[in-house]
Amino acid sequence: MFLTFVATCTLLTSVASMQCVPSSHTKPYLQFCSAINYDVNGPTPDQSHYIDQLAKQTFVQTMHMHASCGGKVLSKQCNIAFRKYACAYHFPKCVNATTTTPTHLKPPCREVCEHYCDVCNMAGCPCLDLPLRAADGESTCQTLEDLCPSCIGDLGTEGVCTIAAQEADKCGWDVVELPSQSNNGNQGMKSMSIVTMIVSLMVLLVTTFL
């Protein structure tokens, strides 16, 4: 809960200070969520690293919990679906202001959460708080097509890649790319190593005393 609170406070700033940044500016600093193809809410390189690692930590802990406690065998498609959801949740799409609407964020639609639950054969997933996609017109949230636009038509249905498309890396969510080795990137990776060690120690202590 503490990590989620920190991530939320870091990412969801006030509308007055919200600034959309192209994915090309943040992508070099993303390792786990490198398939993001949309504008995000202006994090600095270090903040991008931090949020990216939070998304990965959510992924690892959730998958480990369902595999060890739930006794489930998690497929490649399950891992891809949850990775897509975790990144969309931690990096909501930033939409620039228009003459009629202010700058705002678009979280993942409920269908993105429900998709990973279906693929992973999980019950009781926390999807009800997410918005539904619009029946007509543009949705206030990111749909499966938004997150994986290349997997439409022959390559999949409603943004869900077929196995052949996944093997051809058409969607990109099953590919983990290393960030560019710039000075800022190296500094961010060092800071993230320290954060990861601290979090791992906290988890170990909590597990020991429970």
C-alpha atoms as a PDB file:
ATOM      1  CA  MET A   1       0.000   0.000   0.000  1.00  0.00           C
ATOM      2  CA  PHE A   2       2.858   2.381   0.851  1.00  0.00           C
ATOM      3  CA  LEU A   3       4.528   1.824  -2.531  1.00  0.00           C
ATOM      4  CA  THR A   4       1.244   2.347  -4.346  1.00  0.00           C
ATOM      5  CA  PHE A   5       0.714   5.582  -2.419  1.00  0.00           C
ATOM      6  CA  VAL A   6       4.213   6.820  -3.319  1.00  0.00           C
ATOM      7  CA  ALA A   7       3.718   5.952  -6.987  1.00  0.00           C
ATOM      8  CA  THR A   8       0.360   7.694  -7.059  1.00  0.00           C
ATOM      9  CA  CYS A   9       1.718  10.844  -5.428  1.00  0.00           C
ATOM     10  CA  THR A  10       4.682  10.887  -7.788  1.00  0.00           C
ATOM     11  CA  LEU A  11       2.643  10.410 -10.934  1.00  0.00           C
ATOM     12  CA  LEU A  12      -0.721  12.048 -10.338  1.00  0.00           C
ATOM     13  CA  THR A  13       0.185  15.685  -9.876  1.00  0.00           C
ATOM     14  CA  SER A  14      -2.287  18.531  -9.967  1.00  0.00           C
ATOM     15  CA  VAL A  15      -3.895  19.444 -13.276  1.00  0.00           C
ATOM     16  CA  ALA A  16      -2.254  22.859 -13.131  1.00  0.00           C
ATOM     17  CA  SER A  17       1.247  21.321 -13.181  1.00  0.00           C
ATOM     18  CA  MET A  18       0.443  18.384 -15.463  1.00  0.00           C
ATOM     19  CA  GLN A  19       2.535  18.254 -18.622  1.00  0.00           C
ATOM     20  CA  CYS A  20       2.339  15.587 -21.299  1.00  0.00           C
ATOM     21  CA  VAL A  21       5.700  14.242 -22.458  1.00  0.00           C
ATOM     22  CA  PRO A  22       6.130  12.194 -25.673  1.00  0.00           C
ATOM     23  CA  SER A  23       6.971   8.531 -25.202  1.00  0.00           C
ATOM     24  CA  SER A  24      10.191   9.080 -27.156  1.00  0.00           C
ATOM     25  CA  HIS A  25      11.485  11.157 -24.223  1.00  0.00           C
ATOM     26  CA  THR A  26      10.754   8.551 -21.550  1.00  0.00           C
ATOM     27  CA  LYS A  27      11.233   5.312 -23.519  1.00  0.00           C
ATOM     28  CA  PRO A  28      15.082   5.342 -23.260  1.00  0.00           C
ATOM     29  CA  TYR A  29      14.725   5.165 -19.471  1.00  0.00           C
ATOM     30  CA  LEU A  30      12.138   2.391 -19.363  1.00  0.00           C
ATOM     31  CA  GLN A  31      13.158  -1.239 -19.101  1.00  0.00           C
ATOM     32  CA  PHE A  32      10.045  -3.107 -18.007  1.00  0.00           C
ATOM     33  CA  CYS A  33       7.427  -0.826 -19.617  1.00  0.00           C
ATOM     34  CA  SER A  34       9.440  -0.181 -22.773  1.00  0.00           C
ATOM     35  CA  ALA A  35       6.439  -0.957 -25.036  1.00  0.00           C
ATOM     36  CA  ILE A  36       4.572   2.205 -23.977  1.00  0.00           C
ATOM     37  CA  ASN A  37       3.605   4.047 -27.175  1.00  0.00           C
ATOM     38  CA  TYR A  38       1.824   7.135 -25.818  1.00  0.00           C
ATOM     39  CA  ASP A  39       2.453  10.405 -23.976  1.00  0.00           C
ATOM     40  CA  VAL A  40       2.811  10.230 -20.196  1.00  0.00           C
ATOM     41  CA  ASN A  41       2.627  12.801 -17.437  1.00  0.00           C
ATOM     42  CA  GLY A  42       6.052  14.445 -17.568  1.00  0.00           C
ATOM     43  CA  PRO A  43       8.233  12.454 -15.185  1.00  0.00           C
ATOM     44  CA  THR A  44      11.949  13.172 -15.051  1.00  0.00           C
ATOM     45  CA  PRO A  45      14.313  10.362 -16.105  1.00  0.00           C
ATOM     46  CA  ASP A  46      14.865   9.292 -12.503  1.00  0.00           C
ATOM     47  CA  GLN A  47      11.130   9.301 -11.825  1.00  0.00           C
ATOM     48  CA  SER A  48      10.563   7.274 -14.989  1.00  0.00           C
ATOM     49  CA  HIS A  49      13.014   4.659 -13.738  1.00  0.00           C
ATOM     50  CA  TYR A  50      11.343   4.620 -10.346  1.00  0.00           C
ATOM     51  CA  ILE A  51       7.791   4.208 -11.677  1.00  0.00           C
ATOM     52  CA  ASP A  52       9.003   1.612 -14.179  1.00  0.00           C
ATOM     53  CA  GLN A  53      10.534  -0.416 -11.351  1.00  0.00           C
ATOM     54  CA  LEU A  54       7.337  -0.103  -9.309  1.00  0.00           C
ATOM     55  CA  ALA A  55       5.418  -1.560 -12.236  1.00  0.00           C
ATOM     56  CA  LYS A  56       7.910  -4.423 -12.460  1.00  0.00           C
ATOM     57  CA  GLN A  57       7.720  -5.004  -8.717  1.00  0.00           C
ATOM     58  CA  THR A  58       3.909  -5.162  -8.917  1.00  0.00           C
ATOM     59  CA  PHE A  59       4.249  -7.676 -11.751  1.00  0.00           C
ATOM     60  CA  VAL A  60       6.792  -9.900  -9.988  1.00  0.00           C
ATOM     61  CA  GLN A  61       5.015  -9.942  -6.627  1.00  0.00           C
ATOM     62  CA  THR A  62       1.576 -10.602  -8.132  1.00  0.00           C
ATOM     63  CA  MET A  63       2.761 -13.367 -10.440  1.00  0.00           C
ATOM     64  CA  HIS A  64       4.775 -14.966  -7.625  1.00  0.00           C
ATOM     65  CA  MET A  65       1.793 -14.832  -5.267  1.00  0.00           C
ATOM     66  CA  HIS A  66      -0.547 -16.505  -7.747  1.00  0.00           C
ATOM     67  CA  ALA A  67       2.042 -19.134  -8.672  1.00  0.00           C
ATOM     68  CA  SER A  68       3.153 -20.031  -5.134  1.00  0.00           C
ATOM     69  CA  CYS A  69      -0.019 -19.414  -3.117  1.00  0.00           C
ATOM     70  CA  GLY A  70      -2.624 -20.081  -5.786  1.00  0.00           C
ATOM     71  CA  GLY A  71      -0.821 -23.042  -7.283  1.00  0.00           C
ATOM     72  CA  LYS A  72      -1.349 -21.722 -10.807  1.00  0.00           C
ATOM     73  CA  VAL A  73       0.835 -22.416 -13.822  1.00  0.00           C
ATOM     74  CA  LEU A  74       1.230 -19.028 -15.476  1.00  0.00           C
ATOM     75  CA  SER A  75       1.515 -19.037 -19.267  1.00  0.00           C
ATOM     76  CA  LYS A  76       3.457 -16.634 -21.454  1.00  0.00           C
ATOM     77  CA  GLN A  77       0.165 -15.049 -22.525  1.00  0.00           C
ATOM     78  CA  CYS A  78      -0.724 -14.516 -18.849  1.00  0.00           C
ATOM     79  CA  ASN A  79       2.582 -12.773 -18.184  1.00  0.00           C
ATOM     80  CA  ILE A  80       2.164 -10.546 -21.242  1.00  0.00           C
ATOM     81  CA  ALA A  81      -1.399  -9.587 -20.305  1.00  0.00           C
ATOM     82  CA  PHE A  82      -0.512  -8.643 -16.722  1.00  0.00           C
ATOM     83  CA  ARG A  83       2.633  -6.787 -17.755  1.00  0.00           C
ATOM     84  CA  LYS A  84       0.501  -4.723 -20.143  1.00  0.00           C
ATOM     85  CA  TYR A  85      -1.993  -3.939 -17.367  1.00  0.00           C
ATOM     86  CA  ALA A  86       0.684  -3.101 -14.761  1.00  0.00           C
ATOM     87  CA  CYS A  87       2.396  -0.635 -17.114  1.00  0.00           C
ATOM     88  CA  ALA A  88      -0.873   0.964 -18.227  1.00  0.00           C
ATOM     89  CA  TYR A  89      -1.858   1.397 -14.570  1.00  0.00           C
ATOM     90  CA  HIS A  90       1.456   2.940 -13.484  1.00  0.00           C
ATOM     91  CA  PHE A  91       1.787   5.025 -16.656  1.00  0.00           C
ATOM     92  CA  PRO A  92      -1.695   6.348 -17.544  1.00  0.00           C
ATOM     93  CA  LYS A  93      -1.897   8.096 -20.893  1.00  0.00           C
ATOM     94  CA  CYS A  94      -1.556  11.885 -20.759  1.00  0.00           C
ATOM     95  CA  VAL A  95      -3.866  13.815 -23.082  1.00  0.00           C
ATOM     96  CA  ASN A  96      -3.069  17.437 -23.871  1.00  0.00           C
ATOM     97  CA  ALA A  97      -5.641  20.140 -23.222  1.00  0.00           C
ATOM     98  CA  THR A  98      -7.978  21.302 -25.957  1.00  0.00           C
ATOM     99  CA  THR A  99     -10.337  24.254 -26.200  1.00  0.00           C
ATOM    100  CA  THR A 100     -13.013  22.202 -24.435  1.00  0.00           C
ATOM    101  CA  THR A 101     -11.099  19.855 -22.116  1.00  0.00           C
ATOM    102  CA  PRO A 102      -8.164  20.320 -19.728  1.00  0.00           C
ATOM    103  CA  THR A 103      -5.060  18.155 -19.699  1.00  0.00           C
ATOM    104  CA  HIS A 104      -6.044  14.812 -18.216  1.00  0.00           C
ATOM    105  CA  LEU A 105      -4.947  11.211 -17.690  1.00  0.00           C
ATOM    106  CA  LYS A 106      -6.502   8.063 -19.165  1.00  0.00           C
ATOM    107  CA  PRO A 107      -6.161   4.941 -16.986  1.00  0.00           C
ATOM    108  CA  PRO A 108      -6.532   1.448 -18.441  1.00  0.00           C
ATOM    109  CA  CYS A 109     -10.099   0.409 -19.200  1.00  0.00           C
ATOM    110  CA  ARG A 110     -11.712  -2.337 -17.169  1.00  0.00           C
ATOM    111  CA  GLU A 111     -11.327  -4.711 -20.119  1.00  0.00           C
ATOM    112  CA  VAL A 112      -7.514  -4.545 -19.812  1.00  0.00           C
ATOM    113  CA  CYS A 113      -7.745  -5.784 -16.226  1.00  0.00           C
ATOM    114  CA  GLU A 114     -10.418  -8.360 -17.024  1.00  0.00           C
ATOM    115  CA  HIS A 115      -8.339  -9.656 -19.934  1.00  0.00           C
ATOM    116  CA  TYR A 116      -5.376 -10.548 -17.731  1.00  0.00           C
ATOM    117  CA  CYS A 117      -7.739 -12.125 -15.207  1.00  0.00           C
ATOM    118  CA  ASP A 118      -9.273 -14.305 -17.914  1.00  0.00           C
ATOM    119  CA  VAL A 119      -5.945 -15.284 -19.467  1.00  0.00           C
ATOM    120  CA  CYS A 120      -4.392 -16.047 -16.062  1.00  0.00           C
ATOM    121  CA  ASN A 121      -7.524 -17.869 -14.875  1.00  0.00           C
ATOM    122  CA  MET A 122      -7.800 -15.681 -11.776  1.00  0.00           C
ATOM    123  CA  ALA A 123     -10.921 -14.933  -9.776  1.00  0.00           C
ATOM    124  CA  GLY A 124     -11.748 -11.820  -7.769  1.00  0.00           C
ATOM    125  CA  CYS A 125      -9.467  -9.411  -9.625  1.00  0.00           C
ATOM    126  CA  PRO A 126      -9.799  -5.728  -8.586  1.00  0.00           C
ATOM    127  CA  CYS A 127     -11.205  -4.385 -11.858  1.00  0.00           C
ATOM    128  CA  LEU A 128     -14.508  -2.792 -10.825  1.00  0.00           C
ATOM    129  CA  ASP A 129     -12.988   0.611 -10.023  1.00  0.00           C
ATOM    130  CA  LEU A 130     -11.691   1.004 -13.595  1.00  0.00           C
ATOM    131  CA  PRO A 131     -13.848   2.804 -16.190  1.00  0.00           C
ATOM    132  CA  LEU A 132     -15.669   0.979 -18.958  1.00  0.00           C
ATOM    133  CA  ARG A 133     -14.824   1.681 -22.585  1.00  0.00           C
ATOM    134  CA  ALA A 134     -17.300   3.899 -24.400  1.00  0.00           C
ATOM    135  CA  ALA A 135     -19.909   2.144 -26.517  1.00  0.00           C
ATOM    136  CA  ASP A 136     -19.562   4.893 -29.124  1.00  0.00           C
ATOM    137  CA  GLY A 137     -16.900   7.516 -29.627  1.00  0.00           C
ATOM    138  CA  GLU A 138     -13.625   7.934 -27.753  1.00  0.00           C
ATOM    139  CA  SER A 139     -13.263   6.262 -24.364  1.00  0.00           C
ATOM    140  CA  THR A 140     -12.071   8.041 -21.234  1.00  0.00           C
ATOM    141  CA  CYS A 141      -9.694   5.127 -20.665  1.00  0.00           C
ATOM    142  CA  GLN A 142      -7.175   3.099 -22.646  1.00  0.00           C
ATOM    143  CA  THR A 143      -8.612   0.074 -24.428  1.00  0.00           C
ATOM    144  CA  LEU A 144      -6.775  -3.075 -25.460  1.00  0.00           C
ATOM    145  CA  GLU A 145      -6.525  -1.668 -28.986  1.00  0.00           C
ATOM    146  CA  ASP A 146      -4.927   1.521 -27.651  1.00  0.00           C
ATOM    147  CA  LEU A 147      -2.238  -0.459 -25.854  1.00  0.00           C
ATOM    148  CA  CYS A 148      -1.529  -2.819 -28.737  1.00  0.00           C
ATOM    149  CA  PRO A 149      -2.701  -1.192 -31.988  1.00  0.00           C
ATOM    150  CA  SER A 150      -0.614  -3.504 -34.183  1.00  0.00           C
ATOM    151  CA  CYS A 151      -2.595  -6.566 -33.076  1.00  0.00           C
ATOM    152  CA  ILE A 152      -5.838  -5.828 -34.888  1.00  0.00           C
ATOM    153  CA  GLY A 153      -7.405  -7.737 -37.756  1.00  0.00           C
ATOM    154  CA  ASP A 154      -5.391 -10.763 -38.856  1.00  0.00           C
ATOM    155  CA  LEU A 155      -2.938 -10.338 -35.976  1.00  0.00           C
ATOM    156  CA  GLY A 156      -5.524 -10.530 -33.226  1.00  0.00           C
ATOM    157  CA  THR A 157      -8.862  -9.329 -31.929  1.00  0.00           C
ATOM    158  CA  GLU A 158      -9.456  -6.119 -29.969  1.00  0.00           C
ATOM    159  CA  GLY A 159      -5.790  -5.509 -29.276  1.00  0.00           C
ATOM    160  CA  VAL A 160      -5.089  -9.049 -28.099  1.00  0.00           C
ATOM    161  CA  CYS A 161      -2.167 -10.520 -30.020  1.00  0.00           C
ATOM    162  CA  THR A 162      -2.324 -14.019 -31.443  1.00  0.00           C
ATOM    163  CA  ILE A 163       0.481 -16.426 -30.560  1.00  0.00           C
ATOM    164  CA  ALA A 164       1.976 -15.945 -34.034  1.00  0.00           C
ATOM    165  CA  ALA A 165       1.967 -12.184 -33.602  1.00  0.00           C
ATOM    166  CA  GLN A 166       3.606 -12.477 -30.190  1.00  0.00           C
ATOM    167  CA  GLU A 167       6.364 -14.652 -31.605  1.00  0.00           C
ATOM    168  CA  ALA A 168       6.940 -12.050 -34.315  1.00  0.00           C
ATOM    169  CA  ASP A 169       7.070  -9.316 -31.626  1.00  0.00           C
ATOM    170  CA  LYS A 170       4.242  -7.437 -33.337  1.00  0.00           C
ATOM    171  CA  CYS A 171       2.898  -6.112 -30.056  1.00  0.00           C
ATOM    172  CA  GLY A 172       6.153  -5.581 -28.204  1.00  0.00           C
ATOM    173  CA  TRP A 173       4.848  -6.232 -24.699  1.00  0.00           C
ATOM    174  CA  ASP A 174       6.709  -9.534 -24.463  1.00  0.00           C
ATOM    175  CA  VAL A 175      10.033  -7.850 -25.244  1.00  0.00           C
ATOM    176  CA  VAL A 176      12.183  -6.356 -22.478  1.00  0.00           C
ATOM    177  CA  GLU A 177      14.573  -3.711 -23.786  1.00  0.00           C
ATOM    178  CA  LEU A 178      17.543  -2.366 -21.903  1.00  0.00           C
ATOM    179  CA  PRO A 179      17.556   1.423 -21.343  1.00  0.00           C
ATOM    180  CA  SER A 180      20.155   3.560 -23.091  1.00  0.00           C
ATOM    181  CA  GLN A 181      23.379   3.926 -21.155  1.00  0.00           C
ATOM    182  CA  SER A 182      23.438   7.687 -20.636  1.00  0.00           C
ATOM    183  CA  ASN A 183      24.695   9.460 -17.530  1.00  0.00           C
ATOM    184  CA  ASN A 184      21.159  10.112 -16.359  1.00  0.00           C
ATOM    185  CA  GLY A 185      20.261   6.522 -17.110  1.00  0.00           C
ATOM    186  CA  ASN A 186      23.198   5.161 -15.114  1.00  0.00           C
ATOM    187  CA  GLN A 187      22.385   7.440 -12.204  1.00  0.00           C
ATOM    188  CA  GLY A 188      18.762   6.346 -12.340  1.00  0.00           C
ATOM    189  CA  MET A 189      19.736   2.667 -12.388  1.00  0.00           C
ATOM    190  CA  LYS A 190      22.009   3.176  -9.360  1.00  0.00           C
ATOM    191  CA  SER A 191      19.247   4.903  -7.421  1.00  0.00           C
ATOM    192  CA  MET A 192      16.809   2.169  -8.404  1.00  0.00           C
ATOM    193  CA  SER A 193      19.258  -0.519  -7.200  1.00  0.00           C
ATOM    194  CA  ILE A 194      19.276   1.113  -3.779  1.00  0.00           C
ATOM    195  CA  VAL A 195      15.470   1.409  -3.736  1.00  0.00           C
ATOM    196  CA  THR A 196      15.107  -2.215  -4.811  1.00  0.00           C
ATOM    197  CA  MET A 197      17.448  -3.397  -2.027  1.00  0.00           C
ATOM    198  CA  ILE A 198      15.550  -1.398   0.588  1.00  0.00           C
ATOM    199  CA  VAL A 199      12.185  -2.707  -0.597  1.00  0.00           C
ATOM    200  CA  SER A 200      13.490  -6.290  -0.665  1.00  0.00           C
ATOM    201  CA  LEU A 201      14.728  -5.894   2.904  1.00  0.00           C
ATOM    202  CA  MET A 202      11.324  -4.514   4.005  1.00  0.00           C
ATOM    203  CA  VAL A 203       9.536  -7.446   2.386  1.00  0.00           C
ATOM    204  CA  LEU A 204      11.943  -9.887   4.071  1.00  0.00           C
ATOM    205  CA  LEU A 205      11.401  -8.317   7.493  1.00  0.00           C
ATOM    206  CA  VAL A 206       7.608  -8.299   7.117  1.00  0.00           C
ATOM    207  CA  THR A 207       7.643 -11.928   5.979  1.00  0.00           C
ATOM    208  CA  THR A 208       9.858 -12.921   8.905  1.00  0.00           C
ATOM    209  CA  PHE A 209       7.701 -11.363  11.609  1.00  0.00           C
ATOM    210  CA  LEU A 210       4.270 -12.323  10.228  1.00  0.00           C
END
